[in-house]
Amino acid sequence: MKNINLRTQVVLTVLTLLLLENSVCPAAEKAAEAKQDQQQAMKAARQKAAWKKRRIIFNNDGNEPVYSLKEATPQALLDVRTSPLKGSQVDTIFYCTWSSGFSYFTHDTKVGNVFTETADKLSNNKTAELIKKGHDPLTVMSDWCQENDVELFWSFRMNDTHDASTAWYGPLLFPPLKKEHPEWLVGSAEQKPKNGRWTAVDFTHEEICDLAYRYVEEVCRNYDVDGVELDFFRHLNYFKRVSQGEPAGELELSRLNDLMRRIRAMADEVARQRGRPILVAIRVPDSVEYARVLGLDVETWLKEDLVDIMTVTGYFRLNPWKESVKLGHKYDVPVYAGLSESREKDQLARKVYASTEGSRGRAMNAWSQGVDGIYLFNSFNPRHPLWRELGEPTQLKTLPKVYFTSARGYASVNAWWKQGSSYMNRDILTPKHPRVVSPGKSVSVTLPVGENPQETGAALELKVRLKTEPQNKEVLLVKVNGEAVQLDLNENHFLSGRINPDLVTEGENRIEFALAATATRPAVVEDLQLWVTYQE
């Protein structure tokens, strides 16, 4: 009898569980389906936001609270670099709250340290006063951007090493985190690394990866930003192994890959909670191979949909713009041309490279190769006309400009990896990187031109600068796409002259320098410029 009762109880229990399962499963399935629908909708919204029109992205390094304010007010902060941008072609601001060095910020962080140093030339630092008064710089920027329909990203310098400088500011930027944990650094002041700078934190330490994640998470959860930029170009030193001269291995690659996955998942979670996407942008070298040596697995990030926006180049550019465009668009990611200020030490060349005409030529070349917008770095005068020109290629076409091979050169590519220059895949001709033409020999250089002069009715002037005055102006023969051109000797060892617009095409142009066999010494070509002007 007991056995029968026991069997009956078991049967009843099973039937009850089945009934419960049948009633719960549909509800659980509906909840899962609803969550999946929400995720798909947010992903679609994220993709749409990623492809928003951004004519110009303004990267603001956030120096204003530290150096530039006479009073600690929102208006004083905005007047320095932001308010004058109203009505310009700047559709997006990437605002960096310093992160220099790693863990120091000028927003009201609880995870890192607020930068309150006032020693030496930092005596005007008003960061602490702004925050105390309720004027967090990042919130001030967010409010202004919303009022003026400008997109705002928080820019995080992933491993800034300005604190390695021997200048007055270096020791003052060295944060408590690094003093307390010297074992987390890639080197020391006494044992400097082969590659990069000794104050860089080593991302092989899980503690560093976790801190980087928490810095980003804190901003995503507490500030009304449209996205976050992970600026890997500041600076390109992430692992002790690489700093000691070995390429990044699987451990190093996995560390940053996992960090990127965590950030993507967190950004998407916060986006679902607030009902609006949080985009993830990166600034990286324009060579997948070079970046991977350093530990940045850029193509994996793109392939796994961890990135929404990609900006390429900084201290140097290794490839034509079109290569980065091809990579980004392969994974449905918009690509922005990063234009940094010229650091050419030769004053004659720098005057041209840093000119308004020079910036127009650089931007026009980028637009012609398919980039989705222009990103300006270390350009801080909000009243400069470039903010109202560089974002519209049709407008640029009829403005005077000058084309040259590079405004930056590429020497710094070897600072982060000693063999970095081996990844260079384009021609550079600057005073620091001249071309030597031996008697009876010729040398050619590719000069990209971002427009068809025949269509725009432009007048062209070619300028070739030599290191020393030639013995005879006719000794050096210059050809443009196979056609000889007549150039006259001018001051500062320049050969220059008007050339037929029909000789120049949009895209790559071959400029050849040939030296007569009768020459008694080589010719050293230091610079090449193509000036484009239009009739009024």
Protein backbone atom coordinates (compact mmCIF):
# COMPACT_ATOMS: atom_id res chain seq x y z
CA MET A 1 0.00 0.00 0.00
CA LYS A 2 2.85 2.30 0.91
CA ASN A 3 4.54 1.55 -2.43
CA ILE A 4 1.35 2.44 -4.33
CA ASN A 5 1.06 5.74 -2.46
CA LEU A 6 4.70 6.49 -3.12
CA ARG A 7 4.31 5.78 -6.84
CA THR A 8 1.21 7.96 -6.92
CA GLN A 9 3.08 10.81 -5.27
CA VAL A 10 5.94 10.51 -7.77
CA VAL A 11 3.52 10.54 -10.72
CA LEU A 12 1.68 13.55 -9.34
CA THR A 13 4.98 15.37 -8.77
CA VAL A 14 6.13 14.68 -12.32
CA LEU A 15 2.79 15.81 -13.74
CA THR A 16 2.96 18.98 -11.67
CA LEU A 17 6.48 19.74 -12.89
CA LEU A 18 5.41 19.16 -16.49
CA LEU A 19 2.49 21.52 -16.07
CA LEU A 20 4.75 24.13 -14.51
CA GLU A 21 7.30 23.72 -17.30
CA ASN A 22 4.63 24.14 -19.95
CA SER A 23 3.35 27.29 -18.28
CA VAL A 24 6.81 28.79 -17.57
CA CYS A 25 8.53 27.95 -20.86
CA PRO A 26 6.33 30.15 -23.05
CA ALA A 27 6.90 33.07 -20.69
CA ALA A 28 10.65 32.46 -20.63
CA GLU A 29 10.73 32.06 -24.38
CA LYS A 30 8.81 35.29 -24.84
CA ALA A 31 11.20 37.10 -22.50
CA ALA A 32 14.20 35.72 -24.40
CA GLU A 33 12.66 36.70 -27.72
CA ALA A 34 11.91 40.19 -26.43
CA LYS A 35 15.49 40.57 -25.22
CA GLN A 36 16.82 39.38 -28.57
CA ASP A 37 14.54 41.80 -30.42
CA GLN A 38 15.76 44.61 -28.18
CA GLN A 39 19.39 43.68 -28.84
CA GLN A 40 18.83 43.58 -32.60
CA ALA A 41 17.02 46.92 -32.53
CA MET A 42 19.83 48.50 -30.53
CA LYS A 43 22.44 47.05 -32.88
CA ALA A 44 20.58 48.54 -35.84
CA ALA A 45 20.42 51.88 -34.02
CA ARG A 46 24.14 51.62 -33.27
CA GLN A 47 24.96 50.93 -36.90
CA LYS A 48 22.84 53.87 -38.02
CA ALA A 49 24.54 56.14 -35.49
CA ALA A 50 27.97 54.92 -36.59
CA TRP A 51 27.31 56.10 -40.14
CA LYS A 52 26.04 59.51 -39.06
CA LYS A 53 27.53 62.32 -41.13
CA ARG A 54 30.66 63.67 -39.46
CA ARG A 55 32.29 66.23 -41.71
CA ILE A 56 34.92 67.17 -39.15
CA ILE A 57 35.74 65.55 -35.81
CA PHE A 58 37.48 67.92 -33.40
CA ASN A 59 39.76 66.16 -30.92
CA ASN A 60 40.13 68.44 -27.91
CA ASP A 61 42.94 67.37 -25.57
CA GLY A 62 41.17 69.01 -22.62
CA ASN A 63 43.96 71.40 -21.64
CA GLU A 64 41.61 74.33 -20.98
CA PRO A 65 40.78 73.58 -17.30
CA VAL A 66 44.46 73.10 -16.53
CA TYR A 67 46.05 76.04 -18.33
CA SER A 68 43.65 78.46 -19.97
CA LEU A 69 40.89 79.70 -17.65
CA LYS A 70 40.74 83.05 -15.89
CA GLU A 71 37.73 81.91 -13.89
CA ALA A 72 36.19 78.55 -13.05
CA THR A 73 32.92 78.88 -14.94
CA PRO A 74 31.30 76.86 -17.74
CA GLN A 75 31.32 79.86 -20.08
CA ALA A 76 35.02 80.48 -19.52
CA LEU A 77 35.69 76.83 -20.33
CA LEU A 78 33.56 76.87 -23.46
CA ASP A 79 34.89 80.17 -24.78
CA VAL A 80 38.45 78.85 -25.15
CA ARG A 81 37.86 76.21 -27.83
CA THR A 82 34.21 75.24 -28.06
CA SER A 83 31.65 78.05 -28.38
CA PRO A 84 33.27 79.58 -31.51
CA LEU A 85 32.73 76.26 -33.32
CA LYS A 86 28.99 76.88 -33.48
CA GLY A 87 27.89 76.91 -37.11
CA SER A 88 31.12 75.32 -38.33
CA GLN A 89 31.56 71.95 -40.08
CA VAL A 90 32.42 70.30 -36.76
CA ASP A 91 29.70 67.70 -36.30
CA THR A 92 31.47 65.79 -33.54
CA ILE A 93 33.76 66.65 -30.62
CA PHE A 94 36.04 64.05 -29.06
CA TYR A 95 36.75 65.53 -25.63
CA CYS A 96 39.71 64.15 -23.70
CA THR A 97 39.73 64.69 -19.95
CA TRP A 98 43.50 64.32 -19.97
CA SER A 99 44.18 60.68 -18.92
CA SER A 100 47.78 61.83 -18.74
CA GLY A 101 49.37 59.83 -17.25
CA PHE A 102 47.27 56.72 -16.91
CA SER A 103 44.66 57.20 -14.10
CA TYR A 104 44.75 61.04 -14.07
CA PHE A 105 41.57 62.79 -15.30
CA THR A 106 39.95 66.22 -15.30
CA HIS A 107 36.41 64.90 -14.90
CA ASP A 108 34.99 63.94 -11.51
CA THR A 109 36.29 60.40 -11.45
CA LYS A 110 35.90 58.10 -8.46
CA VAL A 111 37.82 55.24 -10.07
CA GLY A 112 40.89 57.22 -11.10
CA ASN A 113 42.45 60.39 -9.70
CA VAL A 114 41.29 63.94 -10.43
CA PHE A 115 44.26 65.98 -11.65
CA THR A 116 44.58 68.81 -9.11
CA GLU A 117 48.31 69.57 -9.33
CA THR A 118 49.12 73.30 -9.17
CA ALA A 119 52.92 73.33 -8.96
CA ASP A 120 55.15 75.22 -11.39
CA LYS A 121 53.36 76.14 -14.65
CA LEU A 122 50.26 74.27 -13.47
CA SER A 123 49.46 77.05 -11.00
CA ASN A 124 46.37 78.04 -13.00
CA ASN A 125 44.84 74.55 -12.86
CA LYS A 126 41.16 75.12 -12.12
CA THR A 127 40.00 71.51 -12.43
CA ALA A 128 39.32 71.05 -8.70
CA GLU A 129 37.50 74.39 -8.45
CA LEU A 130 35.31 73.60 -11.45
CA ILE A 131 34.29 70.24 -10.02
CA LYS A 132 33.70 71.69 -6.54
CA LYS A 133 31.34 74.27 -8.05
CA GLY A 134 29.44 71.56 -9.91
CA HIS A 135 30.96 72.35 -13.30
CA ASP A 136 32.50 69.02 -14.26
CA PRO A 137 34.29 69.78 -17.58
CA LEU A 138 32.89 66.67 -19.26
CA THR A 139 29.34 67.58 -18.22
CA VAL A 140 29.84 71.15 -19.42
CA MET A 141 30.89 69.82 -22.82
CA SER A 142 27.99 67.37 -22.91
CA ASP A 143 25.46 70.11 -22.15
CA TRP A 144 26.86 72.44 -24.83
CA CYS A 145 26.91 69.69 -27.44
CA GLN A 146 23.29 68.75 -26.77
CA GLU A 147 22.20 72.38 -26.98
CA ASN A 148 24.01 72.83 -30.30
CA ASP A 149 23.25 69.47 -31.94
CA VAL A 150 26.89 68.37 -31.85
CA GLU A 151 27.84 64.76 -31.15
CA LEU A 152 30.12 64.18 -28.13
CA PHE A 153 32.57 61.36 -27.49
CA TRP A 154 34.72 61.03 -24.39
CA SER A 155 38.29 60.44 -25.54
CA PHE A 156 40.44 58.15 -23.40
CA ARG A 157 44.18 58.13 -24.01
CA MET A 158 44.83 54.47 -23.40
CA ASN A 159 48.44 54.75 -22.21
CA ASP A 160 49.59 58.36 -22.30
CA THR A 161 53.25 58.78 -21.34
CA HIS A 162 53.77 62.53 -21.17
CA ASP A 163 54.89 61.76 -17.62
CA ALA A 164 58.09 60.25 -19.04
CA SER A 165 59.24 63.65 -20.24
CA THR A 166 62.35 65.21 -18.73
CA ALA A 167 60.74 68.64 -19.17
CA TRP A 168 59.28 70.45 -16.15
CA TYR A 169 55.86 68.80 -16.48
CA GLY A 170 56.99 65.16 -16.62
CA PRO A 171 57.26 64.43 -12.87
CA LEU A 172 54.10 66.44 -12.15
CA LEU A 173 52.04 64.20 -14.45
CA PHE A 174 53.36 60.98 -12.87
CA PRO A 175 50.27 59.70 -11.01
CA PRO A 176 50.00 58.03 -7.59
CA LEU A 177 49.06 54.75 -9.28
CA LYS A 178 52.48 54.46 -10.90
CA LYS A 179 54.29 55.48 -7.71
CA GLU A 180 52.46 52.83 -5.73
CA HIS A 181 52.85 50.10 -8.36
CA PRO A 182 56.15 50.44 -10.23
CA GLU A 183 55.85 46.74 -11.06
CA TRP A 184 52.99 47.61 -13.42
CA LEU A 185 55.25 49.72 -15.65
CA VAL A 186 57.24 48.55 -18.67
CA GLY A 187 60.48 50.01 -17.31
CA SER A 188 61.98 52.56 -14.96
CA ALA A 189 63.92 55.80 -15.10
CA GLU A 190 67.07 53.73 -14.63
CA GLN A 191 66.12 50.93 -17.02
CA LYS A 192 64.51 52.54 -20.03
CA PRO A 193 62.94 50.22 -22.64
CA LYS A 194 64.20 49.68 -26.18
CA ASN A 195 60.80 50.67 -27.57
CA GLY A 196 58.47 53.32 -26.22
CA ARG A 197 58.68 55.10 -22.88
CA TRP A 198 59.34 53.71 -19.44
CA THR A 199 56.26 55.18 -17.73
CA ALA A 200 53.84 53.16 -19.88
CA VAL A 201 51.68 50.71 -17.97
CA ASP A 202 51.91 47.06 -18.97
CA PHE A 203 48.56 45.67 -20.09
CA THR A 204 49.67 42.10 -19.45
CA HIS A 205 48.69 42.87 -15.85
CA GLU A 206 45.02 42.09 -15.38
CA GLU A 207 44.81 44.95 -12.88
CA ILE A 208 45.68 47.45 -15.63
CA CYS A 209 43.12 46.00 -18.05
CA ASP A 210 40.50 46.11 -15.33
CA LEU A 211 41.29 49.73 -14.48
CA ALA A 212 41.07 50.73 -18.15
CA TYR A 213 37.70 49.00 -18.36
CA ARG A 214 36.44 50.70 -15.20
CA TYR A 215 37.54 54.14 -16.40
CA VAL A 216 35.45 53.68 -19.55
CA GLU A 217 32.54 52.12 -17.67
CA GLU A 218 32.42 55.02 -15.20
CA VAL A 219 32.00 57.53 -18.01
CA CYS A 220 29.43 55.43 -19.88
CA ARG A 221 27.28 55.03 -16.77
CA ASN A 222 27.56 58.57 -15.42
CA TYR A 223 27.84 60.95 -18.38
CA ASP A 224 25.51 61.63 -21.28
CA VAL A 225 27.99 60.95 -24.08
CA ASP A 226 27.25 59.61 -27.55
CA GLY A 227 30.32 57.42 -27.53
CA VAL A 228 33.83 56.78 -26.25
CA GLU A 229 37.09 56.98 -28.16
CA LEU A 230 39.88 54.59 -27.22
CA ASP A 231 42.92 56.54 -28.36
CA PHE A 232 45.62 53.90 -28.81
CA PHE A 233 47.94 56.40 -30.51
CA ARG A 234 48.58 58.05 -27.12
CA HIS A 235 50.83 56.25 -26.76
CA LEU A 236 51.86 53.20 -28.74
CA ASN A 237 53.43 51.25 -25.87
CA TYR A 238 51.24 48.61 -24.23
CA PHE A 239 53.36 45.64 -23.24
CA LYS A 240 56.68 45.03 -21.51
CA ARG A 241 57.51 42.29 -24.00
CA VAL A 242 57.23 44.74 -26.90
CA SER A 243 59.12 47.44 -25.02
CA GLN A 244 62.01 44.99 -24.65
CA GLY A 245 62.14 44.29 -28.38
CA GLU A 246 59.93 41.24 -28.89
CA PRO A 247 56.74 41.38 -30.97
CA ALA A 248 53.46 40.92 -29.14
CA GLY A 249 52.50 37.28 -28.66
CA GLU A 250 49.18 35.55 -28.10
CA LEU A 251 49.07 36.59 -24.44
CA GLU A 252 49.45 40.26 -25.29
CA LEU A 253 46.95 40.14 -28.14
CA SER A 254 44.41 38.33 -25.99
CA ARG A 255 44.69 40.92 -23.21
CA LEU A 256 43.55 43.81 -25.40
CA ASN A 257 41.10 41.66 -27.35
CA ASP A 258 39.38 40.67 -24.12
CA LEU A 259 39.39 44.28 -22.94
CA MET A 260 37.74 45.39 -26.17
CA ARG A 261 35.09 42.68 -25.81
CA ARG A 262 34.32 43.75 -22.25
CA ILE A 263 34.02 47.40 -23.26
CA ARG A 264 31.74 46.54 -26.19
CA ALA A 265 29.47 44.40 -24.01
CA MET A 266 29.29 47.04 -21.29
CA ALA A 267 28.61 49.86 -23.76
CA ASP A 268 25.78 47.84 -25.30
CA GLU A 269 24.33 47.04 -21.88
CA VAL A 270 24.31 50.71 -20.85
CA ALA A 271 22.88 51.62 -24.25
CA ARG A 272 19.93 49.26 -23.73
CA GLN A 273 19.32 50.72 -20.27
CA ARG A 274 19.26 54.30 -21.52
CA GLY A 275 17.60 53.52 -24.85
CA ARG A 276 20.31 55.08 -27.01
CA PRO A 277 23.53 53.63 -28.50
CA ILE A 278 26.99 54.23 -27.08
CA LEU A 279 29.47 54.08 -29.93
CA VAL A 280 33.03 52.80 -29.57
CA ALA A 281 35.67 54.59 -31.64
CA ILE A 282 39.36 53.79 -31.96
CA ARG A 283 42.41 55.74 -33.14
CA VAL A 284 45.09 53.37 -34.36
CA PRO A 285 48.02 53.08 -36.80
CA ASP A 286 47.01 52.60 -40.44
CA SER A 287 48.94 49.35 -40.81
CA VAL A 288 47.30 46.19 -39.47
CA GLU A 289 50.69 44.46 -39.41
CA TYR A 290 52.47 47.23 -37.54
CA ALA A 291 49.63 47.54 -35.03
CA ARG A 292 49.64 43.79 -34.40
CA VAL A 293 53.36 43.80 -33.60
CA LEU A 294 52.56 46.30 -30.85
CA GLY A 295 49.68 44.16 -29.55
CA LEU A 296 46.76 45.91 -31.24
CA ASP A 297 44.72 43.26 -33.09
CA VAL A 298 42.74 45.81 -35.09
CA GLU A 299 41.26 43.49 -37.69
CA THR A 300 39.91 41.14 -35.01
CA TRP A 301 38.22 44.12 -33.36
CA LEU A 302 36.60 45.05 -36.65
CA LYS A 303 35.66 41.48 -37.52
CA GLU A 304 33.99 40.90 -34.14
CA ASP A 305 31.96 44.13 -34.35
CA LEU A 306 33.74 45.61 -31.34
CA VAL A 307 34.33 48.94 -33.07
CA ASP A 308 31.91 51.44 -34.63
CA ILE A 309 34.30 54.13 -35.89
CA MET A 310 37.97 54.00 -36.86
CA THR A 311 40.38 56.93 -37.12
CA VAL A 312 43.80 56.18 -38.55
CA THR A 313 47.22 57.83 -38.28
CA GLY A 314 48.76 60.21 -35.80
CA TYR A 315 52.50 60.64 -35.51
CA PHE A 316 52.91 58.98 -38.90
CA ARG A 317 51.03 57.46 -41.82
CA LEU A 318 52.28 54.22 -43.39
CA ASN A 319 49.84 53.61 -46.25
CA PRO A 320 47.68 55.52 -48.72
CA TRP A 321 44.33 56.49 -47.17
CA LYS A 322 42.48 54.14 -49.50
CA GLU A 323 43.98 51.09 -47.77
CA SER A 324 42.40 52.01 -44.44
CA VAL A 325 39.11 52.85 -46.15
CA LYS A 326 39.11 49.43 -47.77
CA LEU A 327 39.73 47.73 -44.42
CA GLY A 328 37.10 49.64 -42.48
CA HIS A 329 34.41 49.40 -45.13
CA LYS A 330 35.02 45.66 -45.43
CA TYR A 331 33.58 45.41 -41.92
CA ASP A 332 30.99 48.19 -42.37
CA VAL A 333 32.96 50.65 -40.23
CA PRO A 334 33.40 54.31 -41.27
CA VAL A 335 36.99 55.54 -41.52
CA TYR A 336 38.26 59.00 -40.64
CA ALA A 337 41.50 60.62 -41.77
CA GLY A 338 43.49 61.73 -38.75
CA LEU A 339 45.36 64.94 -39.56
CA SER A 340 47.84 65.96 -36.86
CA GLU A 341 49.86 69.15 -36.71
CA SER A 342 53.16 69.28 -38.59
CA ARG A 343 56.28 68.75 -36.52
CA GLU A 344 58.74 69.31 -39.34
CA LYS A 345 61.78 71.04 -37.84
CA ASP A 346 62.88 72.70 -41.08
CA GLN A 347 61.23 76.12 -40.89
CA LEU A 348 60.82 76.66 -44.63
CA ALA A 349 59.07 73.32 -45.06
CA ARG A 350 57.02 73.60 -41.88
CA LYS A 351 55.66 76.97 -42.96
CA VAL A 352 54.16 75.23 -46.00
CA TYR A 353 53.09 71.99 -44.31
CA ALA A 354 51.30 73.89 -41.53
CA SER A 355 49.71 76.46 -43.82
CA THR A 356 46.02 76.72 -44.57
CA GLU A 357 46.78 75.67 -48.15
CA GLY A 358 48.72 72.68 -46.85
CA SER A 359 45.86 71.52 -44.63
CA ARG A 360 43.46 71.84 -47.55
CA GLY A 361 45.70 69.68 -49.71
CA ARG A 362 45.98 67.01 -47.02
CA ALA A 363 42.22 66.93 -46.51
CA MET A 364 41.51 66.88 -50.25
CA ASN A 365 43.81 63.90 -50.70
CA ALA A 366 42.00 62.04 -47.93
CA TRP A 367 38.54 62.83 -49.30
CA SER A 368 39.55 61.73 -52.80
CA GLN A 369 40.58 58.32 -51.45
CA GLY A 370 37.19 57.65 -49.88
CA VAL A 371 37.43 58.61 -46.21
CA ASP A 372 34.19 59.32 -44.40
CA GLY A 373 35.34 62.50 -42.69
CA ILE A 374 38.26 64.53 -41.40
CA TYR A 375 39.60 64.24 -37.84
CA LEU A 376 41.82 67.06 -36.57
CA PHE A 377 44.28 66.42 -33.75
CA ASN A 378 46.27 69.12 -31.93
CA SER A 379 44.43 71.91 -33.77
CA PHE A 380 42.89 74.19 -31.19
CA ASN A 381 42.08 77.58 -32.70
CA PRO A 382 38.27 77.43 -33.05
CA ARG A 383 38.25 80.60 -35.14
CA HIS A 384 40.52 79.23 -37.85
CA PRO A 385 38.80 79.03 -41.26
CA LEU A 386 39.72 75.34 -41.61
CA TRP A 387 36.82 74.35 -39.33
CA ARG A 388 34.53 75.76 -42.00
CA GLU A 389 36.36 74.33 -45.03
CA LEU A 390 37.93 70.90 -44.56
CA GLY A 391 34.64 69.04 -44.10
CA GLU A 392 33.24 69.79 -47.55
CA PRO A 393 35.26 68.39 -50.49
CA THR A 394 33.16 70.28 -53.05
CA GLN A 395 34.07 73.52 -51.29
CA LEU A 396 37.74 72.53 -51.07
CA LYS A 397 37.99 71.89 -54.80
CA THR A 398 38.00 75.59 -55.65
CA LEU A 399 40.20 76.80 -52.78
CA PRO A 400 43.98 77.35 -53.12
CA LYS A 401 45.97 74.44 -51.77
CA VAL A 402 49.36 72.77 -51.87
CA TYR A 403 50.15 69.07 -52.20
CA PHE A 404 53.26 67.41 -50.73
CA THR A 405 54.16 63.89 -49.66
CA SER A 406 53.93 64.29 -45.88
CA ALA A 407 53.44 66.90 -43.17
CA ARG A 408 54.82 64.61 -40.47
CA GLY A 409 57.49 62.33 -41.92
CA TYR A 410 57.83 58.95 -40.26
CA ALA A 411 60.81 58.97 -37.90
CA SER A 412 58.59 58.37 -34.85
CA VAL A 413 57.36 55.08 -36.28
CA ASN A 414 60.64 53.60 -35.02
CA ALA A 415 60.18 55.03 -31.53
CA TRP A 416 57.56 52.40 -30.66
CA TRP A 417 59.09 49.55 -32.69
CA LYS A 418 62.69 49.79 -33.88
CA GLN A 419 61.89 48.22 -37.25
CA GLY A 420 58.78 50.33 -37.71
CA SER A 421 59.94 52.01 -40.92
CA SER A 422 59.90 48.61 -42.64
CA TYR A 423 56.09 48.93 -42.69
CA MET A 424 56.22 52.13 -44.76
CA ASN A 425 54.31 51.68 -48.02
CA ARG A 426 54.28 55.17 -49.48
CA ASP A 427 56.81 57.74 -50.66
CA ILE A 428 58.03 60.41 -48.25
CA LEU A 429 60.12 63.36 -49.43
CA THR A 430 60.86 65.99 -46.77
CA PRO A 431 64.01 67.75 -45.53
CA LYS A 432 64.41 64.98 -42.96
CA HIS A 433 63.84 62.30 -45.60
CA PRO A 434 65.52 63.63 -48.78
CA ARG A 435 66.29 61.79 -52.01
CA VAL A 436 69.83 61.65 -53.38
CA VAL A 437 70.19 61.62 -57.17
CA SER A 438 73.58 60.42 -58.40
CA PRO A 439 75.12 61.64 -61.70
CA GLY A 440 73.64 59.73 -64.63
CA LYS A 441 70.84 58.30 -62.44
CA SER A 442 67.20 59.12 -61.75
CA VAL A 443 64.90 58.91 -58.74
CA SER A 444 61.10 59.00 -58.78
CA VAL A 445 58.57 59.93 -56.12
CA THR A 446 54.82 59.40 -56.05
CA LEU A 447 52.87 62.58 -55.32
CA PRO A 448 49.16 62.07 -54.55
CA VAL A 449 46.86 64.82 -55.82
CA GLY A 450 43.25 64.89 -54.62
CA GLU A 451 41.65 66.55 -57.65
CA ASN A 452 41.67 66.71 -61.42
CA PRO A 453 43.17 70.13 -62.29
CA GLN A 454 41.73 69.94 -65.80
CA GLU A 455 38.19 69.84 -64.41
CA THR A 456 38.64 72.61 -61.86
CA GLY A 457 40.46 75.05 -64.13
CA ALA A 458 43.38 75.27 -61.75
CA ALA A 459 46.77 76.84 -62.35
CA LEU A 460 49.67 74.69 -61.18
CA GLU A 461 53.13 75.57 -59.94
CA LEU A 462 55.66 72.84 -59.18
CA LYS A 463 58.40 73.55 -56.65
CA VAL A 464 61.44 71.34 -56.11
CA ARG A 465 63.81 72.25 -53.29
CA LEU A 466 67.46 71.23 -53.42
CA LYS A 467 69.82 71.04 -50.47
CA THR A 468 72.46 73.14 -52.22
CA GLU A 469 72.37 75.42 -55.22
CA PRO A 470 72.87 73.39 -58.40
CA GLN A 471 75.90 74.10 -60.54
CA ASN A 472 73.59 74.57 -63.50
CA LYS A 473 69.81 74.72 -63.42
CA GLU A 474 69.63 72.52 -66.51
CA VAL A 475 71.66 69.71 -64.94
CA LEU A 476 68.65 68.32 -63.01
CA LEU A 477 65.80 67.22 -65.27
CA VAL A 478 62.32 67.03 -63.73
CA LYS A 479 59.51 65.00 -65.28
CA VAL A 480 55.82 64.85 -64.36
CA ASN A 481 54.22 61.56 -65.39
CA GLY A 482 56.92 61.10 -68.02
CA GLU A 483 56.84 64.64 -69.45
CA ALA A 484 59.76 67.01 -68.88
CA VAL A 485 58.89 70.37 -67.33
CA GLN A 486 60.80 73.65 -67.34
CA LEU A 487 61.67 74.93 -63.89
CA ASP A 488 63.67 78.04 -63.00
CA LEU A 489 66.07 78.49 -60.12
CA ASN A 490 64.77 80.74 -57.34
CA GLU A 491 65.84 81.64 -53.81
CA ASN A 492 66.42 78.98 -51.13
CA HIS A 493 67.56 76.53 -53.82
CA PHE A 494 64.06 76.09 -55.23
CA LEU A 495 63.46 75.07 -58.81
CA SER A 496 59.96 76.23 -59.67
CA GLY A 497 57.68 76.97 -62.57
CA ARG A 498 54.17 76.78 -63.97
CA ILE A 499 53.23 73.43 -65.46
CA ASN A 500 50.46 72.31 -67.78
CA PRO A 501 47.41 71.07 -65.78
CA ASP A 502 47.01 68.31 -68.37
CA LEU A 503 50.15 66.65 -66.98
CA VAL A 504 48.60 66.03 -63.56
CA THR A 505 45.85 63.54 -62.76
CA GLU A 506 43.73 62.89 -59.71
CA GLY A 507 45.45 60.19 -57.69
CA GLU A 508 49.09 59.16 -57.88
CA ASN A 509 51.49 61.21 -60.00
CA ARG A 510 55.04 60.13 -60.76
CA ILE A 511 57.62 62.89 -60.33
CA GLU A 512 61.05 61.94 -61.67
CA PHE A 513 64.38 63.62 -60.99
CA ALA A 514 67.21 62.79 -63.40
CA LEU A 515 70.76 64.09 -63.04
CA ALA A 516 73.03 64.49 -66.03
CA ALA A 517 76.03 62.19 -66.20
CA THR A 518 78.23 65.27 -66.53
CA ALA A 519 77.32 66.45 -63.03
CA THR A 520 80.27 66.49 -60.65
CA ARG A 521 78.27 65.76 -57.52
CA PRO A 522 74.93 64.22 -56.51
CA ALA A 523 71.82 66.36 -56.20
CA VAL A 524 69.93 66.17 -52.92
CA VAL A 525 66.19 66.80 -53.30
CA GLU A 526 64.69 67.93 -49.99
CA ASP A 527 61.13 68.88 -50.79
CA LEU A 528 58.43 68.65 -53.44
CA GLN A 529 55.37 70.89 -53.58
CA LEU A 530 52.54 71.29 -56.06
CA TRP A 531 50.69 74.58 -55.59
CA VAL A 532 47.14 74.80 -56.92
CA THR A 533 45.47 78.19 -57.43
CA TYR A 534 42.32 79.45 -59.10
CA GLN A 535 41.38 82.64 -60.85
CA GLU A 536 39.27 85.00 -58.77
